[in-house]
């Protein structure tokens, strides 16, 4: 087949069914359908992860881990001929652009391919795939990708009883700028910590990603405007950082189980006033409690 192929950031064998590109990262769900010998030896320009979702995978990381889920880490510059044993399979690729050094900085990462088997790593990879498939918050997707990289380079942050001052500052920064299209790197630069460390610590203390927090902060503002003004839904959406009315409606429906129009009707009634949405930013567990409340089947039954 001649000399090795050199694949640029985000290039893989297999057609992409869905692709998300954010802040120097790309996540894609791909199908491999060619015969195994159609995959030539190749070198990747980027650091990437492969989460196999179907088929028998052959990797330079070594022998397959039995019946365990297959999640592979490949460092930047790796040369291999990873492929599916029978030529057919499906997988998520999670790749980081080598030209975006702000994400990795001085992190020391493994220089050889390896299987990743911890429950945290598998949970993060699956969550990334789920977000890519569902067109969710870019900030959440970025945060999860950085968390996954962090499992290779940093020990899990220890959670003390008190929230670190820098993390409180990050929350305040997001609290005030939730309408802006911020990245994790943007916030990390302002508060002076590594983006990977910010992503990992945020979840440790608050039980969710910064993207989840900003999404519910937008919902809080939208709920306030819906209950206190007669603004058209399209205008409410733009004031709260949503791209359009459709995005607001989808987020509201998913988060609260009702449409914005239905919510406005409910809170305008005497019975509905107790269902108003509010986040207490002084409560370190507030975000997770809000998510649990919003998704509770009993809550949805009450407010429909």
C-alpha atoms as a PDB file:
ATOM      1  CA  UNK A   1       0.000   0.000   0.000  1.00  0.00           C
ATOM      2  CA  UNK A   2       3.027   2.303  -0.098  1.00  0.00           C
ATOM      3  CA  UNK A   3       4.089   4.631   2.668  1.00  0.00           C
ATOM      4  CA  UNK A   4       1.986   5.430   5.693  1.00  0.00           C
ATOM      5  CA  UNK A   5      -0.920   7.788   5.384  1.00  0.00           C
ATOM      6  CA  UNK A   6      -0.922  10.926   7.524  1.00  0.00           C
ATOM      7  CA  UNK A   7      -4.361  11.776   8.849  1.00  0.00           C
ATOM      8  CA  UNK A   8      -5.107  15.353   9.906  1.00  0.00           C
ATOM      9  CA  UNK A   9      -7.137  16.359  12.940  1.00  0.00           C
ATOM     10  CA  UNK A  10     -10.532  14.669  12.823  1.00  0.00           C
ATOM     11  CA  UNK A  11      -9.677  12.288   9.947  1.00  0.00           C
ATOM     12  CA  UNK A  12     -10.481   8.595  10.447  1.00  0.00           C
ATOM     13  CA  UNK A  13     -11.326   5.570   8.364  1.00  0.00           C
ATOM     14  CA  UNK A  14     -15.100   5.221   8.304  1.00  0.00           C
ATOM     15  CA  UNK A  15     -17.940   7.513   7.265  1.00  0.00           C
ATOM     16  CA  UNK A  16     -19.263  10.008   9.827  1.00  0.00           C
ATOM     17  CA  UNK A  17     -22.968   9.723  10.621  1.00  0.00           C
ATOM     18  CA  UNK A  18     -22.851  12.683  12.997  1.00  0.00           C
ATOM     19  CA  UNK A  19     -20.087  15.159  13.775  1.00  0.00           C
ATOM     20  CA  UNK A  20     -19.659  17.952  16.350  1.00  0.00           C
ATOM     21  CA  UNK A  21     -16.704  20.365  16.204  1.00  0.00           C
ATOM     22  CA  UNK A  22     -16.069  22.632  19.212  1.00  0.00           C
ATOM     23  CA  UNK A  23     -13.106  24.713  20.378  1.00  0.00           C
ATOM     24  CA  UNK A  24     -10.401  22.545  18.809  1.00  0.00           C
ATOM     25  CA  UNK A  25     -12.178  19.254  19.518  1.00  0.00           C
ATOM     26  CA  UNK A  26     -14.165  16.995  17.240  1.00  0.00           C
ATOM     27  CA  UNK A  27     -16.546  14.212  18.205  1.00  0.00           C
ATOM     28  CA  UNK A  28     -18.075  11.994  15.541  1.00  0.00           C
ATOM     29  CA  UNK A  29     -20.065   8.788  15.319  1.00  0.00           C
ATOM     30  CA  UNK A  30     -18.654   6.719  12.464  1.00  0.00           C
ATOM     31  CA  UNK A  31     -19.385   3.558  10.523  1.00  0.00           C
ATOM     32  CA  UNK A  32     -16.650   1.259   9.207  1.00  0.00           C
ATOM     33  CA  UNK A  33     -17.883  -0.788   6.271  1.00  0.00           C
ATOM     34  CA  UNK A  34     -14.831  -1.681   4.144  1.00  0.00           C
ATOM     35  CA  UNK A  35     -12.821  -4.913   4.292  1.00  0.00           C
ATOM     36  CA  UNK A  36     -10.059  -4.991   6.932  1.00  0.00           C
ATOM     37  CA  UNK A  37      -7.260  -4.825   4.326  1.00  0.00           C
ATOM     38  CA  UNK A  38      -8.661  -1.513   3.038  1.00  0.00           C
ATOM     39  CA  UNK A  39      -7.281   0.154   6.177  1.00  0.00           C
ATOM     40  CA  UNK A  40      -3.676   1.152   5.499  1.00  0.00           C
ATOM     41  CA  UNK A  41      -1.040   1.839   8.123  1.00  0.00           C
ATOM     42  CA  UNK A  42      -1.528   5.471   9.095  1.00  0.00           C
ATOM     43  CA  UNK A  43      -0.345   8.196  11.455  1.00  0.00           C
ATOM     44  CA  UNK A  44      -2.691  10.511  13.331  1.00  0.00           C
ATOM     45  CA  UNK A  45      -1.840  14.170  13.863  1.00  0.00           C
ATOM     46  CA  UNK A  46      -4.070  14.424  16.906  1.00  0.00           C
ATOM     47  CA  UNK A  47      -4.599  12.857  20.296  1.00  0.00           C
ATOM     48  CA  UNK A  48      -7.819  10.884  20.178  1.00  0.00           C
ATOM     49  CA  UNK A  49     -10.051   8.326  21.832  1.00  0.00           C
ATOM     50  CA  UNK A  50     -12.065   5.558  20.187  1.00  0.00           C
ATOM     51  CA  UNK A  51     -15.234   4.260  21.858  1.00  0.00           C
ATOM     52  CA  UNK A  52     -16.416   1.150  20.020  1.00  0.00           C
ATOM     53  CA  UNK A  53     -20.190   0.821  19.797  1.00  0.00           C
ATOM     54  CA  UNK A  54     -20.376  -2.239  17.561  1.00  0.00           C
ATOM     55  CA  UNK A  55     -18.085  -4.846  15.986  1.00  0.00           C
ATOM     56  CA  UNK A  56     -14.834  -6.578  16.942  1.00  0.00           C
ATOM     57  CA  UNK A  57     -11.979  -4.046  17.102  1.00  0.00           C
ATOM     58  CA  UNK A  58      -8.265  -4.675  16.600  1.00  0.00           C
ATOM     59  CA  UNK A  59      -5.996  -2.094  18.261  1.00  0.00           C
ATOM     60  CA  UNK A  60      -2.303  -1.360  18.680  1.00  0.00           C
ATOM     61  CA  UNK A  61      -3.124  -1.015  22.372  1.00  0.00           C
ATOM     62  CA  UNK A  62      -2.778  -4.793  22.651  1.00  0.00           C
ATOM     63  CA  UNK A  63      -5.107  -7.722  23.122  1.00  0.00           C
ATOM     64  CA  UNK A  64      -8.794  -7.033  23.407  1.00  0.00           C
ATOM     65  CA  UNK A  65     -10.153  -6.700  26.958  1.00  0.00           C
ATOM     66  CA  UNK A  66     -12.477  -9.704  26.730  1.00  0.00           C
ATOM     67  CA  UNK A  67     -16.147  -8.772  26.922  1.00  0.00           C
ATOM     68  CA  UNK A  68     -15.411  -5.366  28.449  1.00  0.00           C
ATOM     69  CA  UNK A  69     -16.461  -2.169  26.662  1.00  0.00           C
ATOM     70  CA  UNK A  70     -13.721  -1.012  24.271  1.00  0.00           C
ATOM     71  CA  UNK A  71     -12.364   2.492  24.857  1.00  0.00           C
ATOM     72  CA  UNK A  72      -8.929   3.200  23.365  1.00  0.00           C
ATOM     73  CA  UNK A  73      -6.594   6.150  23.884  1.00  0.00           C
ATOM     74  CA  UNK A  74      -4.125   6.977  21.096  1.00  0.00           C
ATOM     75  CA  UNK A  75      -1.479   9.696  21.584  1.00  0.00           C
ATOM     76  CA  UNK A  76      -0.660  12.339  19.013  1.00  0.00           C
ATOM     77  CA  UNK A  77       1.578  10.954  16.254  1.00  0.00           C
ATOM     78  CA  UNK A  78       0.621   7.322  16.801  1.00  0.00           C
ATOM     79  CA  UNK A  79       1.167   5.063  13.767  1.00  0.00           C
ATOM     80  CA  UNK A  80      -1.019   1.976  13.605  1.00  0.00           C
ATOM     81  CA  UNK A  81      -3.493  -0.012  11.559  1.00  0.00           C
ATOM     82  CA  UNK A  82      -6.380  -0.210  13.978  1.00  0.00           C
ATOM     83  CA  UNK A  83      -9.418  -1.695  12.259  1.00  0.00           C
ATOM     84  CA  UNK A  84     -12.464  -3.884  12.695  1.00  0.00           C
ATOM     85  CA  UNK A  85     -11.788  -7.597  12.524  1.00  0.00           C
ATOM     86  CA  UNK A  86     -14.526  -8.258   9.994  1.00  0.00           C
ATOM     87  CA  UNK A  87     -14.438  -4.836   8.396  1.00  0.00           C
ATOM     88  CA  UNK A  88     -17.776  -3.693   9.784  1.00  0.00           C
ATOM     89  CA  UNK A  89     -18.347  -1.780  13.005  1.00  0.00           C
ATOM     90  CA  UNK A  90     -19.280   1.523  14.584  1.00  0.00           C
ATOM     91  CA  UNK A  91     -17.469   3.863  16.932  1.00  0.00           C
ATOM     92  CA  UNK A  92     -17.232   7.340  18.390  1.00  0.00           C
ATOM     93  CA  UNK A  93     -14.017   9.243  17.687  1.00  0.00           C
ATOM     94  CA  UNK A  94     -13.051  11.974  20.160  1.00  0.00           C
ATOM     95  CA  UNK A  95     -10.096  14.002  18.901  1.00  0.00           C
ATOM     96  CA  UNK A  96      -8.214  17.087  20.101  1.00  0.00           C
ATOM     97  CA  UNK A  97      -6.560  19.468  17.663  1.00  0.00           C
ATOM     98  CA  UNK A  98      -2.758  19.608  18.197  1.00  0.00           C
ATOM     99  CA  UNK A  99      -2.857  23.278  17.146  1.00  0.00           C
ATOM    100  CA  UNK A 100      -4.978  24.182  20.169  1.00  0.00           C
ATOM    101  CA  UNK A 101      -2.327  23.984  22.911  1.00  0.00           C
ATOM    102  CA  UNK A 102      -4.374  26.018  25.394  1.00  0.00           C
ATOM    103  CA  UNK A 103      -6.353  22.854  26.139  1.00  0.00           C
ATOM    104  CA  UNK A 104      -3.445  20.596  27.021  1.00  0.00           C
ATOM    105  CA  UNK A 105      -0.739  23.025  28.116  1.00  0.00           C
ATOM    106  CA  UNK A 106       1.957  21.280  30.123  1.00  0.00           C
ATOM    107  CA  UNK A 107      -0.046  18.109  30.804  1.00  0.00           C
ATOM    108  CA  UNK A 108       2.033  14.948  30.710  1.00  0.00           C
ATOM    109  CA  UNK A 109       0.075  12.325  28.804  1.00  0.00           C
ATOM    110  CA  UNK A 110       0.895   8.676  27.988  1.00  0.00           C
ATOM    111  CA  UNK A 111       2.963   8.295  24.809  1.00  0.00           C
ATOM    112  CA  UNK A 112       1.647   4.840  23.892  1.00  0.00           C
ATOM    113  CA  UNK A 113      -1.845   3.566  22.998  1.00  0.00           C
ATOM    114  CA  UNK A 114      -3.797   1.989  25.811  1.00  0.00           C
ATOM    115  CA  UNK A 115      -7.194   0.612  26.684  1.00  0.00           C
ATOM    116  CA  UNK A 116      -9.092   2.706  29.224  1.00  0.00           C
ATOM    117  CA  UNK A 117     -11.101   0.603  31.633  1.00  0.00           C
ATOM    118  CA  UNK A 118     -12.080   2.725  34.632  1.00  0.00           C
ATOM    119  CA  UNK A 119     -15.773   3.347  35.210  1.00  0.00           C
ATOM    120  CA  UNK A 120     -15.148   7.110  35.186  1.00  0.00           C
ATOM    121  CA  UNK A 121     -13.455   7.005  31.774  1.00  0.00           C
ATOM    122  CA  UNK A 122     -16.194   4.867  30.254  1.00  0.00           C
ATOM    123  CA  UNK A 123     -18.903   7.083  31.761  1.00  0.00           C
ATOM    124  CA  UNK A 124     -17.287  10.214  30.318  1.00  0.00           C
ATOM    125  CA  UNK A 125     -16.824   8.691  26.858  1.00  0.00           C
ATOM    126  CA  UNK A 126     -20.426   7.503  26.746  1.00  0.00           C
ATOM    127  CA  UNK A 127     -21.680  10.878  27.938  1.00  0.00           C
ATOM    128  CA  UNK A 128     -19.665  12.576  25.185  1.00  0.00           C
ATOM    129  CA  UNK A 129     -21.220  10.286  22.598  1.00  0.00           C
ATOM    130  CA  UNK A 130     -24.678  10.960  23.982  1.00  0.00           C
ATOM    131  CA  UNK A 131     -24.190  14.737  23.841  1.00  0.00           C
ATOM    132  CA  UNK A 132     -22.882  14.569  20.281  1.00  0.00           C
ATOM    133  CA  UNK A 133     -25.930  12.579  19.232  1.00  0.00           C
ATOM    134  CA  UNK A 134     -28.311  14.958  20.958  1.00  0.00           C
ATOM    135  CA  UNK A 135     -26.893  18.340  19.872  1.00  0.00           C
ATOM    136  CA  UNK A 136     -26.467  19.429  23.474  1.00  0.00           C
ATOM    137  CA  UNK A 137     -24.518  22.320  24.975  1.00  0.00           C
ATOM    138  CA  UNK A 138     -21.090  22.870  23.424  1.00  0.00           C
ATOM    139  CA  UNK A 139     -19.776  23.885  26.844  1.00  0.00           C
ATOM    140  CA  UNK A 140     -20.873  20.543  28.309  1.00  0.00           C
ATOM    141  CA  UNK A 141     -19.299  18.626  25.432  1.00  0.00           C
ATOM    142  CA  UNK A 142     -16.030  20.534  25.768  1.00  0.00           C
ATOM    143  CA  UNK A 143     -15.980  20.037  29.530  1.00  0.00           C
ATOM    144  CA  UNK A 144     -16.518  16.278  29.254  1.00  0.00           C
ATOM    145  CA  UNK A 145     -13.750  15.950  26.645  1.00  0.00           C
ATOM    146  CA  UNK A 146     -11.346  17.803  28.921  1.00  0.00           C
ATOM    147  CA  UNK A 147     -12.388  15.647  31.863  1.00  0.00           C
ATOM    148  CA  UNK A 148     -11.620  12.528  29.834  1.00  0.00           C
ATOM    149  CA  UNK A 149      -8.147  13.847  28.986  1.00  0.00           C
ATOM    150  CA  UNK A 150      -7.703  14.716  32.650  1.00  0.00           C
ATOM    151  CA  UNK A 151      -8.160  11.103  33.730  1.00  0.00           C
ATOM    152  CA  UNK A 152      -4.900  10.344  31.899  1.00  0.00           C
ATOM    153  CA  UNK A 153      -2.871  13.243  33.269  1.00  0.00           C
ATOM    154  CA  UNK A 154      -4.167  14.334  36.663  1.00  0.00           C
ATOM    155  CA  UNK A 155      -5.191  12.537  39.855  1.00  0.00           C
ATOM    156  CA  UNK A 156      -8.850  12.915  40.718  1.00  0.00           C
ATOM    157  CA  UNK A 157      -9.242  16.215  42.598  1.00  0.00           C
ATOM    158  CA  UNK A 158      -9.988  15.767  46.289  1.00  0.00           C
ATOM    159  CA  UNK A 159     -13.151  17.461  47.400  1.00  0.00           C
ATOM    160  CA  UNK A 160     -12.849  19.427  50.628  1.00  0.00           C
ATOM    161  CA  UNK A 161     -15.854  20.744  52.526  1.00  0.00           C
ATOM    162  CA  UNK A 162     -15.183  24.335  51.491  1.00  0.00           C
ATOM    163  CA  UNK A 163     -15.432  25.360  47.840  1.00  0.00           C
ATOM    164  CA  UNK A 164     -12.033  26.707  46.646  1.00  0.00           C
ATOM    165  CA  UNK A 165     -12.011  30.433  46.069  1.00  0.00           C
ATOM    166  CA  UNK A 166     -10.992  30.060  42.415  1.00  0.00           C
ATOM    167  CA  UNK A 167     -13.906  27.670  41.773  1.00  0.00           C
ATOM    168  CA  UNK A 168     -16.350  30.083  43.413  1.00  0.00           C
ATOM    169  CA  UNK A 169     -14.925  32.764  41.116  1.00  0.00           C
ATOM    170  CA  UNK A 170     -15.559  30.497  38.110  1.00  0.00           C
ATOM    171  CA  UNK A 171     -19.183  30.035  39.170  1.00  0.00           C
ATOM    172  CA  UNK A 172     -19.617  33.795  39.551  1.00  0.00           C
ATOM    173  CA  UNK A 173     -18.075  34.352  36.130  1.00  0.00           C
ATOM    174  CA  UNK A 174     -20.497  31.894  34.541  1.00  0.00           C
ATOM    175  CA  UNK A 175     -23.349  33.257  36.616  1.00  0.00           C
ATOM    176  CA  UNK A 176     -22.856  36.713  35.157  1.00  0.00           C
ATOM    177  CA  UNK A 177     -22.012  35.669  31.576  1.00  0.00           C
ATOM    178  CA  UNK A 178     -24.239  32.673  30.926  1.00  0.00           C
ATOM    179  CA  UNK A 179     -25.623  34.302  27.767  1.00  0.00           C
ATOM    180  CA  UNK A 180     -22.206  34.437  26.108  1.00  0.00           C
ATOM    181  CA  UNK A 181     -20.657  31.642  24.050  1.00  0.00           C
ATOM    182  CA  UNK A 182     -17.869  30.970  26.548  1.00  0.00           C
ATOM    183  CA  UNK A 183     -15.459  28.043  26.374  1.00  0.00           C
ATOM    184  CA  UNK A 184     -13.846  26.254  29.308  1.00  0.00           C
ATOM    185  CA  UNK A 185     -10.531  27.747  28.218  1.00  0.00           C
ATOM    186  CA  UNK A 186     -12.038  31.252  28.379  1.00  0.00           C
ATOM    187  CA  UNK A 187     -13.158  30.785  31.977  1.00  0.00           C
ATOM    188  CA  UNK A 188      -9.955  29.011  33.006  1.00  0.00           C
ATOM    189  CA  UNK A 189      -7.816  31.831  31.648  1.00  0.00           C
ATOM    190  CA  UNK A 190      -9.741  34.438  33.623  1.00  0.00           C
ATOM    191  CA  UNK A 191      -9.476  32.609  36.935  1.00  0.00           C
ATOM    192  CA  UNK A 192      -5.936  31.300  36.371  1.00  0.00           C
ATOM    193  CA  UNK A 193      -6.285  27.502  36.398  1.00  0.00           C
ATOM    194  CA  UNK A 194      -5.827  24.783  33.792  1.00  0.00           C
ATOM    195  CA  UNK A 195      -8.961  24.072  31.695  1.00  0.00           C
ATOM    196  CA  UNK A 196      -8.757  20.342  32.474  1.00  0.00           C
ATOM    197  CA  UNK A 197      -8.545  20.986  36.209  1.00  0.00           C
ATOM    198  CA  UNK A 198     -11.488  23.394  36.049  1.00  0.00           C
ATOM    199  CA  UNK A 199     -13.616  20.851  34.191  1.00  0.00           C
ATOM    200  CA  UNK A 200     -12.833  18.061  36.669  1.00  0.00           C
ATOM    201  CA  UNK A 201     -13.266  20.134  39.824  1.00  0.00           C
ATOM    202  CA  UNK A 202     -16.531  21.687  38.692  1.00  0.00           C
ATOM    203  CA  UNK A 203     -18.187  18.282  38.497  1.00  0.00           C
ATOM    204  CA  UNK A 204     -16.632  17.147  41.781  1.00  0.00           C
ATOM    205  CA  UNK A 205     -18.179  20.017  43.690  1.00  0.00           C
ATOM    206  CA  UNK A 206     -21.411  20.708  41.827  1.00  0.00           C
ATOM    207  CA  UNK A 207     -22.347  17.355  40.317  1.00  0.00           C
ATOM    208  CA  UNK A 208     -22.639  18.680  36.766  1.00  0.00           C
ATOM    209  CA  UNK A 209     -20.640  20.308  33.981  1.00  0.00           C
ATOM    210  CA  UNK A 210     -20.347  24.085  33.530  1.00  0.00           C
ATOM    211  CA  UNK A 211     -22.524  23.620  30.461  1.00  0.00           C
ATOM    212  CA  UNK A 212     -25.367  22.147  32.517  1.00  0.00           C
ATOM    213  CA  UNK A 213     -25.088  25.055  34.938  1.00  0.00           C
ATOM    214  CA  UNK A 214     -25.213  27.706  32.209  1.00  0.00           C
ATOM    215  CA  UNK A 215     -28.116  25.940  30.500  1.00  0.00           C
ATOM    216  CA  UNK A 216     -30.183  25.975  33.673  1.00  0.00           C
ATOM    217  CA  UNK A 217     -29.087  29.529  34.408  1.00  0.00           C
ATOM    218  CA  UNK A 218     -30.530  30.443  30.991  1.00  0.00           C
ATOM    219  CA  UNK A 219     -33.683  28.530  31.831  1.00  0.00           C
ATOM    220  CA  UNK A 220     -33.941  30.395  35.124  1.00  0.00           C
ATOM    221  CA  UNK A 221     -33.764  33.721  33.299  1.00  0.00           C
ATOM    222  CA  UNK A 222     -36.230  32.524  30.654  1.00  0.00           C
ATOM    223  CA  UNK A 223     -38.656  31.365  33.336  1.00  0.00           C
ATOM    224  CA  UNK A 224     -38.400  34.753  35.029  1.00  0.00           C
ATOM    225  CA  UNK A 225     -39.149  36.609  31.794  1.00  0.00           C
ATOM    226  CA  UNK A 226     -42.009  34.265  30.950  1.00  0.00           C
ATOM    227  CA  UNK A 227     -43.639  34.877  34.316  1.00  0.00           C
ATOM    228  CA  UNK A 228     -42.990  38.622  34.568  1.00  0.00           C
ATOM    229  CA  UNK A 229     -43.342  39.928  31.004  1.00  0.00           C
ATOM    230  CA  UNK A 230     -45.357  39.544  27.829  1.00  0.00           C
ATOM    231  CA  UNK A 231     -42.274  39.391  25.598  1.00  0.00           C
ATOM    232  CA  UNK A 232     -42.621  37.129  22.529  1.00  0.00           C
ATOM    233  CA  UNK A 233     -40.927  33.747  22.933  1.00  0.00           C
ATOM    234  CA  UNK A 234     -38.405  34.568  20.205  1.00  0.00           C
ATOM    235  CA  UNK A 235     -37.278  37.659  22.129  1.00  0.00           C
ATOM    236  CA  UNK A 236     -37.107  35.728  25.405  1.00  0.00           C
ATOM    237  CA  UNK A 237     -34.879  33.173  23.682  1.00  0.00           C
ATOM    238  CA  UNK A 238     -32.396  35.783  22.429  1.00  0.00           C
ATOM    239  CA  UNK A 239     -32.273  37.622  25.767  1.00  0.00           C
ATOM    240  CA  UNK A 240     -31.400  34.373  27.537  1.00  0.00           C
ATOM    241  CA  UNK A 241     -28.602  33.202  25.228  1.00  0.00           C
ATOM    242  CA  UNK A 242     -30.530  30.699  23.121  1.00  0.00           C
ATOM    243  CA  UNK A 243     -29.969  30.746  19.371  1.00  0.00           C
ATOM    244  CA  UNK A 244     -33.688  30.964  18.610  1.00  0.00           C
ATOM    245  CA  UNK A 245     -37.163  30.139  19.861  1.00  0.00           C
ATOM    246  CA  UNK A 246     -36.836  26.517  18.766  1.00  0.00           C
ATOM    247  CA  UNK A 247     -33.732  25.985  20.907  1.00  0.00           C
ATOM    248  CA  UNK A 248     -35.451  27.587  23.903  1.00  0.00           C
ATOM    249  CA  UNK A 249     -38.501  25.367  23.457  1.00  0.00           C
ATOM    250  CA  UNK A 250     -36.422  22.190  23.234  1.00  0.00           C
ATOM    251  CA  UNK A 251     -34.347  23.100  26.305  1.00  0.00           C
ATOM    252  CA  UNK A 252     -37.427  24.063  28.316  1.00  0.00           C
ATOM    253  CA  UNK A 253     -39.307  20.925  27.324  1.00  0.00           C
ATOM    254  CA  UNK A 254     -36.365  18.709  28.201  1.00  0.00           C
ATOM    255  CA  UNK A 255     -35.495  20.484  31.443  1.00  0.00           C
ATOM    256  CA  UNK A 256     -38.967  21.084  32.856  1.00  0.00           C
ATOM    257  CA  UNK A 257     -41.268  18.781  30.947  1.00  0.00           C
ATOM    258  CA  UNK A 258     -43.408  21.632  29.598  1.00  0.00           C
ATOM    259  CA  UNK A 259     -43.127  24.121  26.750  1.00  0.00           C
ATOM    260  CA  UNK A 260     -42.373  27.804  27.482  1.00  0.00           C
ATOM    261  CA  UNK A 261     -45.932  28.718  26.478  1.00  0.00           C
ATOM    262  CA  UNK A 262     -47.405  26.156  28.868  1.00  0.00           C
ATOM    263  CA  UNK A 263     -45.092  27.316  31.645  1.00  0.00           C
ATOM    264  CA  UNK A 264     -46.206  30.937  31.119  1.00  0.00           C
ATOM    265  CA  UNK A 265     -49.832  29.843  31.447  1.00  0.00           C
ATOM    266  CA  UNK A 266     -49.121  27.825  34.580  1.00  0.00           C
ATOM    267  CA  UNK A 267     -47.239  30.513  36.475  1.00  0.00           C
ATOM    268  CA  UNK A 268     -49.933  33.003  35.620  1.00  0.00           C
ATOM    269  CA  UNK A 269     -52.413  30.935  37.600  1.00  0.00           C
ATOM    270  CA  UNK A 270     -52.755  30.826  41.374  1.00  0.00           C
ATOM    271  CA  UNK A 271     -51.941  27.136  41.486  1.00  0.00           C
ATOM    272  CA  UNK A 272     -48.935  27.448  39.195  1.00  0.00           C
ATOM    273  CA  UNK A 273     -47.019  30.137  41.091  1.00  0.00           C
ATOM    274  CA  UNK A 274     -45.298  27.578  43.326  1.00  0.00           C
ATOM    275  CA  UNK A 275     -43.640  25.943  40.326  1.00  0.00           C
ATOM    276  CA  UNK A 276     -41.472  28.917  39.408  1.00  0.00           C
ATOM    277  CA  UNK A 277     -37.898  28.021  38.592  1.00  0.00           C
ATOM    278  CA  UNK A 278     -35.140  29.394  40.809  1.00  0.00           C
ATOM    279  CA  UNK A 279     -31.478  28.534  41.400  1.00  0.00           C
ATOM    280  CA  UNK A 280     -29.822  29.480  44.675  1.00  0.00           C
ATOM    281  CA  UNK A 281     -26.227  30.171  43.661  1.00  0.00           C
ATOM    282  CA  UNK A 282     -25.073  30.023  47.297  1.00  0.00           C
ATOM    283  CA  UNK A 283     -26.081  26.369  47.541  1.00  0.00           C
ATOM    284  CA  UNK A 284     -23.256  24.112  46.338  1.00  0.00           C
ATOM    285  CA  UNK A 285     -25.730  21.315  45.591  1.00  0.00           C
ATOM    286  CA  UNK A 286     -28.291  23.524  43.900  1.00  0.00           C
ATOM    287  CA  UNK A 287     -27.515  22.595  40.325  1.00  0.00           C
ATOM    288  CA  UNK A 288     -27.835  18.840  40.854  1.00  0.00           C
ATOM    289  CA  UNK A 289     -31.006  19.297  42.935  1.00  0.00           C
ATOM    290  CA  UNK A 290     -32.533  21.410  40.187  1.00  0.00           C
ATOM    291  CA  UNK A 291     -31.781  18.808  37.523  1.00  0.00           C
ATOM    292  CA  UNK A 292     -33.311  16.095  39.709  1.00  0.00           C
ATOM    293  CA  UNK A 293     -36.418  18.193  40.349  1.00  0.00           C
ATOM    294  CA  UNK A 294     -36.879  19.134  36.714  1.00  0.00           C
ATOM    295  CA  UNK A 295     -36.647  15.531  35.526  1.00  0.00           C
ATOM    296  CA  UNK A 296     -38.779  14.011  38.278  1.00  0.00           C
ATOM    297  CA  UNK A 297     -41.790  12.150  36.818  1.00  0.00           C
ATOM    298  CA  UNK A 298     -43.896  13.204  39.842  1.00  0.00           C
ATOM    299  CA  UNK A 299     -43.020  16.862  39.236  1.00  0.00           C
ATOM    300  CA  UNK A 300     -43.952  16.572  35.574  1.00  0.00           C
ATOM    301  CA  UNK A 301     -47.295  15.019  36.444  1.00  0.00           C
ATOM    302  CA  UNK A 302     -48.069  17.872  38.844  1.00  0.00           C
ATOM    303  CA  UNK A 303     -47.361  20.709  36.431  1.00  0.00           C
ATOM    304  CA  UNK A 304     -48.910  19.369  33.245  1.00  0.00           C
END
